[in-house]
Amino acid sequence: MHFTGRTWRPPYEANSIIIQATSGCTYKKCRFCSLYKDECFRMSPMEEFEEDLAEIKSYQPYARRIFWTGRTLSP
């Protein structure tokens, strides 16, 4: 699986899948937020999606929930 930076998952979602859509933040102007301070924004390439989906298919073919992670919109 491809991940850049931090990823959080609640304990009750331990069997769920997370796929990274973007990393970093498009806005980067919130004074209170240090979550993406040192990360430049980028979209995940299509090849990463395809590789992640193939990995999910082989390890968790019956996964019931898939979450997309990343920050794509400004506040």
Foldseek 3Di string as FASTA:
>chain_A
DDDDADDDDPPVCVLEAEAEQKAAEPAQPDPVDPRRVPPDIDGDDPVSVVVSVVVCCVPPVPHDHYHYDDYDDDD
